[in-house]
Amino acid sequence: MMLRQLLSTGGRFQLYIIAFLIIAIVLLGVSLSLVRSEVAIKESEIETLSLAKAILQTDLDVMADNVMKAEVEKERLRQEAQRISVLNIENYQAKNEIETAFYQQLKQLDRLRNSNNDQVNDWANTPLPIDAARLLKQAANCARRDHHSDRICVTANGNVQRVSAAP
């Protein structure tokens, strides 16, 4: 009943209702445009975050690849260190064997030089003839790595290179 009275009282109330509806529509339109702009901003943020995620994933993949390579290199270096350790032990043992053999030969040489037999003593204390010394020197030179520069040395095929006789 009260609503009928308000509607029948004249146009003033209807104007208020129309004004209220217009204001409500305008406010709904403004809020709709604000919501749309917020949605656009959020979509832009989502796109930015997606790009950042893709970049971070790429960086993560690169880092994981680098870690894998580093682990492979670390394992290779560990194996190489083990091989070097084994080689060092073998070299140390070979050096000890050579030193032992050298000292034994020195003892034998000392026994020969100090022999009671005059012939052995004279033989052991006689200097090497010059030809034997040259032969030993040449053998030592040919044993070096750069023996290819000496034409007298034996080549890798076992052929002797001939040198013309000196005048």
C-alpha atoms as a PDB file:
ATOM      1  CA  MET A   1       0.000   0.000   0.000  1.00  0.00           C
ATOM      2  CA  MET A   2       2.636   2.465   0.786  1.00  0.00           C
ATOM      3  CA  LEU A   3       4.315   1.812  -2.470  1.00  0.00           C
ATOM      4  CA  ARG A   4       1.059   2.687  -4.288  1.00  0.00           C
ATOM      5  CA  GLN A   5       0.835   5.917  -2.499  1.00  0.00           C
ATOM      6  CA  LEU A   6       4.382   6.820  -3.371  1.00  0.00           C
ATOM      7  CA  LEU A   7       3.811   5.961  -7.035  1.00  0.00           C
ATOM      8  CA  SER A   8       0.573   7.829  -7.203  1.00  0.00           C
ATOM      9  CA  THR A   9       1.870  10.976  -5.468  1.00  0.00           C
ATOM     10  CA  GLY A  10       3.406  12.311  -8.521  1.00  0.00           C
ATOM     11  CA  GLY A  11       6.457  12.330 -10.648  1.00  0.00           C
ATOM     12  CA  ARG A  12       8.877  13.411  -8.061  1.00  0.00           C
ATOM     13  CA  PHE A  13       9.380  10.036  -6.592  1.00  0.00           C
ATOM     14  CA  GLN A  14       9.700   8.504 -10.028  1.00  0.00           C
ATOM     15  CA  LEU A  15      12.383  11.050 -10.840  1.00  0.00           C
ATOM     16  CA  TYR A  16      14.265   9.993  -7.760  1.00  0.00           C
ATOM     17  CA  ILE A  17      14.033   6.375  -8.777  1.00  0.00           C
ATOM     18  CA  ILE A  18      15.182   7.156 -12.307  1.00  0.00           C
ATOM     19  CA  ALA A  19      18.074   9.258 -10.982  1.00  0.00           C
ATOM     20  CA  PHE A  20      18.991   6.486  -8.602  1.00  0.00           C
ATOM     21  CA  LEU A  21      18.915   3.918 -11.416  1.00  0.00           C
ATOM     22  CA  ILE A  22      21.037   6.164 -13.663  1.00  0.00           C
ATOM     23  CA  ILE A  23      23.580   6.674 -10.890  1.00  0.00           C
ATOM     24  CA  ALA A  24      23.599   2.927 -10.213  1.00  0.00           C
ATOM     25  CA  ILE A  25      24.144   2.163 -13.918  1.00  0.00           C
ATOM     26  CA  VAL A  26      26.944   4.740 -14.137  1.00  0.00           C
ATOM     27  CA  LEU A  27      28.573   3.321 -11.006  1.00  0.00           C
ATOM     28  CA  LEU A  28      28.211  -0.206 -12.400  1.00  0.00           C
ATOM     29  CA  GLY A  29      29.791   0.952 -15.675  1.00  0.00           C
ATOM     30  CA  VAL A  30      32.679   2.626 -13.836  1.00  0.00           C
ATOM     31  CA  SER A  31      33.203  -0.397 -11.635  1.00  0.00           C
ATOM     32  CA  LEU A  32      33.028  -2.632 -14.718  1.00  0.00           C
ATOM     33  CA  SER A  33      35.692  -0.569 -16.490  1.00  0.00           C
ATOM     34  CA  LEU A  34      37.834  -0.643 -13.293  1.00  0.00           C
ATOM     35  CA  VAL A  35      37.420  -4.396 -13.094  1.00  0.00           C
ATOM     36  CA  ARG A  36      38.359  -4.740 -16.779  1.00  0.00           C
ATOM     37  CA  SER A  37      41.462  -2.601 -16.294  1.00  0.00           C
ATOM     38  CA  GLU A  38      42.398  -4.662 -13.223  1.00  0.00           C
ATOM     39  CA  VAL A  39      41.887  -7.844 -15.246  1.00  0.00           C
ATOM     40  CA  ALA A  40      44.112  -6.425 -17.999  1.00  0.00           C
ATOM     41  CA  ILE A  41      46.747  -5.516 -15.412  1.00  0.00           C
ATOM     42  CA  LYS A  42      46.536  -8.984 -13.876  1.00  0.00           C
ATOM     43  CA  GLU A  43      46.771 -10.610 -17.321  1.00  0.00           C
ATOM     44  CA  SER A  44      49.848  -8.478 -18.040  1.00  0.00           C
ATOM     45  CA  GLU A  45      51.341  -9.521 -14.696  1.00  0.00           C
ATOM     46  CA  ILE A  46      50.567 -13.173 -15.486  1.00  0.00           C
ATOM     47  CA  GLU A  47      52.283 -12.833 -18.874  1.00  0.00           C
ATOM     48  CA  THR A  48      55.299 -11.140 -17.262  1.00  0.00           C
ATOM     49  CA  LEU A  49      55.482 -13.834 -14.612  1.00  0.00           C
ATOM     50  CA  SER A  50      55.176 -16.537 -17.290  1.00  0.00           C
ATOM     51  CA  LEU A  51      58.091 -15.002 -19.194  1.00  0.00           C
ATOM     52  CA  ALA A  52      60.098 -14.737 -15.981  1.00  0.00           C
ATOM     53  CA  LYS A  53      59.299 -18.372 -15.231  1.00  0.00           C
ATOM     54  CA  ALA A  54      60.453 -19.411 -18.704  1.00  0.00           C
ATOM     55  CA  ILE A  55      63.693 -17.449 -18.276  1.00  0.00           C
ATOM     56  CA  LEU A  56      64.256 -18.971 -14.843  1.00  0.00           C
ATOM     57  CA  GLN A  57      63.560 -22.453 -16.226  1.00  0.00           C
ATOM     58  CA  THR A  58      66.099 -21.846 -19.001  1.00  0.00           C
ATOM     59  CA  ASP A  59      68.634 -20.623 -16.444  1.00  0.00           C
ATOM     60  CA  LEU A  60      67.894 -23.664 -14.300  1.00  0.00           C
ATOM     61  CA  ASP A  61      68.411 -25.979 -17.285  1.00  0.00           C
ATOM     62  CA  VAL A  62      71.714 -24.277 -18.130  1.00  0.00           C
ATOM     63  CA  MET A  63      72.859 -24.513 -14.509  1.00  0.00           C
ATOM     64  CA  ALA A  64      71.855 -28.168 -14.312  1.00  0.00           C
ATOM     65  CA  ASP A  65      73.806 -28.826 -17.521  1.00  0.00           C
ATOM     66  CA  ASN A  66      76.829 -26.985 -16.100  1.00  0.00           C
ATOM     67  CA  VAL A  67      76.603 -29.003 -12.893  1.00  0.00           C
ATOM     68  CA  MET A  68      76.470 -32.234 -14.896  1.00  0.00           C
ATOM     69  CA  LYS A  69      79.507 -31.178 -16.934  1.00  0.00           C
ATOM     70  CA  ALA A  70      81.346 -30.216 -13.750  1.00  0.00           C
ATOM     71  CA  GLU A  71      80.542 -33.594 -12.205  1.00  0.00           C
ATOM     72  CA  VAL A  72      81.804 -35.406 -15.305  1.00  0.00           C
ATOM     73  CA  GLU A  73      84.990 -33.299 -15.263  1.00  0.00           C
ATOM     74  CA  LYS A  74      85.406 -33.916 -11.536  1.00  0.00           C
ATOM     75  CA  GLU A  75      85.126 -37.666 -12.084  1.00  0.00           C
ATOM     76  CA  ARG A  76      87.604 -37.505 -14.968  1.00  0.00           C
ATOM     77  CA  LEU A  77      90.066 -35.558 -12.810  1.00  0.00           C
ATOM     78  CA  ARG A  78      89.598 -38.013  -9.940  1.00  0.00           C
ATOM     79  CA  GLN A  79      90.370 -40.941 -12.260  1.00  0.00           C
ATOM     80  CA  GLU A  80      93.359 -39.099 -13.683  1.00  0.00           C
ATOM     81  CA  ALA A  81      94.617 -38.404 -10.171  1.00  0.00           C
ATOM     82  CA  GLN A  82      94.323 -42.123  -9.390  1.00  0.00           C
ATOM     83  CA  ARG A  83      96.258 -43.009 -12.557  1.00  0.00           C
ATOM     84  CA  ILE A  84      98.938 -40.458 -11.702  1.00  0.00           C
ATOM     85  CA  SER A  85      99.138 -41.848  -8.176  1.00  0.00           C
ATOM     86  CA  VAL A  86      99.613 -45.365  -9.556  1.00  0.00           C
ATOM     87  CA  LEU A  87     102.262 -44.091 -12.002  1.00  0.00           C
ATOM     88  CA  ASN A  88     104.052 -42.265  -9.186  1.00  0.00           C
ATOM     89  CA  ILE A  89     104.141 -45.448  -7.118  1.00  0.00           C
ATOM     90  CA  GLU A  90     105.420 -47.440 -10.115  1.00  0.00           C
ATOM     91  CA  ASN A  91     108.057 -44.788 -10.846  1.00  0.00           C
ATOM     92  CA  TYR A  92     109.156 -44.767  -7.211  1.00  0.00           C
ATOM     93  CA  GLN A  93     109.479 -48.557  -7.229  1.00  0.00           C
ATOM     94  CA  ALA A  94     111.367 -48.520 -10.545  1.00  0.00           C
ATOM     95  CA  LYS A  95     113.693 -45.818  -9.210  1.00  0.00           C
ATOM     96  CA  ASN A  96     114.383 -47.899  -6.115  1.00  0.00           C
ATOM     97  CA  GLU A  97     115.109 -50.953  -8.277  1.00  0.00           C
ATOM     98  CA  ILE A  98     117.482 -48.945 -10.472  1.00  0.00           C
ATOM     99  CA  GLU A  99     119.255 -47.487  -7.434  1.00  0.00           C
ATOM    100  CA  THR A 100     119.579 -50.950  -5.895  1.00  0.00           C
ATOM    101  CA  ALA A 101     121.008 -52.379  -9.128  1.00  0.00           C
ATOM    102  CA  PHE A 102     123.374 -49.390  -9.432  1.00  0.00           C
ATOM    103  CA  TYR A 103     124.699 -49.829  -5.886  1.00  0.00           C
ATOM    104  CA  GLN A 104     125.137 -53.562  -6.441  1.00  0.00           C
ATOM    105  CA  GLN A 105     127.130 -52.883  -9.605  1.00  0.00           C
ATOM    106  CA  LEU A 106     129.212 -50.307  -7.749  1.00  0.00           C
ATOM    107  CA  LYS A 107     129.963 -52.917  -5.087  1.00  0.00           C
ATOM    108  CA  GLN A 108     130.989 -55.405  -7.784  1.00  0.00           C
ATOM    109  CA  LEU A 109     133.178 -52.778  -9.429  1.00  0.00           C
ATOM    110  CA  ASP A 110     134.805 -51.949  -6.097  1.00  0.00           C
ATOM    111  CA  ARG A 111     135.447 -55.664  -5.525  1.00  0.00           C
ATOM    112  CA  LEU A 112     137.043 -55.926  -8.959  1.00  0.00           C
ATOM    113  CA  ARG A 113     139.176 -52.817  -8.406  1.00  0.00           C
ATOM    114  CA  ASN A 114     140.316 -54.092  -5.038  1.00  0.00           C
ATOM    115  CA  SER A 115     140.813 -57.667  -6.213  1.00  0.00           C
ATOM    116  CA  ASN A 116     143.801 -59.684  -5.018  1.00  0.00           C
ATOM    117  CA  ASN A 117     144.222 -61.075  -8.538  1.00  0.00           C
ATOM    118  CA  ASP A 118     146.658 -58.763 -10.350  1.00  0.00           C
ATOM    119  CA  GLN A 119     145.176 -59.381 -13.808  1.00  0.00           C
ATOM    120  CA  VAL A 120     141.630 -58.580 -12.659  1.00  0.00           C
ATOM    121  CA  ASN A 121     142.914 -55.604 -10.693  1.00  0.00           C
ATOM    122  CA  ASP A 122     144.827 -54.236 -13.706  1.00  0.00           C
ATOM    123  CA  TRP A 123     141.857 -54.799 -16.018  1.00  0.00           C
ATOM    124  CA  ALA A 124     139.389 -53.136 -13.620  1.00  0.00           C
ATOM    125  CA  ASN A 125     141.612 -50.106 -13.052  1.00  0.00           C
ATOM    126  CA  THR A 126     142.623 -49.568 -16.693  1.00  0.00           C
ATOM    127  CA  PRO A 127     140.867 -46.576 -18.290  1.00  0.00           C
ATOM    128  CA  LEU A 128     138.665 -47.363 -21.237  1.00  0.00           C
ATOM    129  CA  PRO A 129     140.364 -47.136 -24.602  1.00  0.00           C
ATOM    130  CA  ILE A 130     139.435 -44.032 -26.554  1.00  0.00           C
ATOM    131  CA  ASP A 131     137.527 -46.066 -29.175  1.00  0.00           C
ATOM    132  CA  ALA A 132     135.352 -47.651 -26.490  1.00  0.00           C
ATOM    133  CA  ALA A 133     134.749 -44.235 -24.924  1.00  0.00           C
ATOM    134  CA  ARG A 134     133.685 -42.812 -28.326  1.00  0.00           C
ATOM    135  CA  LEU A 135     131.376 -45.775 -28.899  1.00  0.00           C
ATOM    136  CA  LEU A 136     129.738 -45.283 -25.482  1.00  0.00           C
ATOM    137  CA  LYS A 137     129.400 -41.545 -26.108  1.00  0.00           C
ATOM    138  CA  GLN A 138     127.784 -42.169 -29.512  1.00  0.00           C
ATOM    139  CA  ALA A 139     125.370 -44.708 -28.001  1.00  0.00           C
ATOM    140  CA  ALA A 140     124.389 -42.175 -25.339  1.00  0.00           C
ATOM    141  CA  ASN A 141     123.829 -39.501 -27.990  1.00  0.00           C
ATOM    142  CA  CYS A 142     121.674 -41.817 -30.102  1.00  0.00           C
ATOM    143  CA  ALA A 143     119.587 -42.743 -27.079  1.00  0.00           C
ATOM    144  CA  ARG A 144     118.434 -39.140 -26.691  1.00  0.00           C
ATOM    145  CA  ARG A 145     115.158 -38.009 -28.259  1.00  0.00           C
ATOM    146  CA  ASP A 146     116.800 -35.643 -30.697  1.00  0.00           C
ATOM    147  CA  HIS A 147     118.995 -38.393 -32.169  1.00  0.00           C
ATOM    148  CA  HIS A 148     117.498 -37.716 -35.599  1.00  0.00           C
ATOM    149  CA  SER A 149     119.813 -34.734 -35.959  1.00  0.00           C
ATOM    150  CA  ASP A 150     122.836 -37.076 -35.829  1.00  0.00           C
ATOM    151  CA  ARG A 151     123.338 -38.859 -39.160  1.00  0.00           C
ATOM    152  CA  ILE A 152     125.193 -41.770 -37.572  1.00  0.00           C
ATOM    153  CA  CYS A 153     122.322 -42.936 -35.355  1.00  0.00           C
ATOM    154  CA  VAL A 154     120.044 -45.809 -36.269  1.00  0.00           C
ATOM    155  CA  THR A 155     116.730 -44.662 -37.734  1.00  0.00           C
ATOM    156  CA  ALA A 156     113.366 -45.832 -36.507  1.00  0.00           C
ATOM    157  CA  ASN A 157     113.288 -48.491 -39.267  1.00  0.00           C
ATOM    158  CA  GLY A 158     116.581 -49.957 -38.090  1.00  0.00           C
ATOM    159  CA  ASN A 159     118.546 -48.753 -41.121  1.00  0.00           C
ATOM    160  CA  VAL A 160     121.946 -47.249 -40.414  1.00  0.00           C
ATOM    161  CA  GLN A 161     122.555 -43.967 -42.142  1.00  0.00           C
ATOM    162  CA  ARG A 162     126.003 -43.948 -43.674  1.00  0.00           C
ATOM    163  CA  VAL A 163     128.422 -41.095 -43.212  1.00  0.00           C
ATOM    164  CA  SER A 164     131.140 -40.514 -45.759  1.00  0.00           C
ATOM    165  CA  ALA A 165     134.612 -41.060 -44.368  1.00  0.00           C
ATOM    166  CA  ALA A 166     136.321 -37.911 -43.169  1.00  0.00           C
ATOM    167  CA  PRO A 167     139.571 -37.086 -45.076  1.00  0.00           C
END
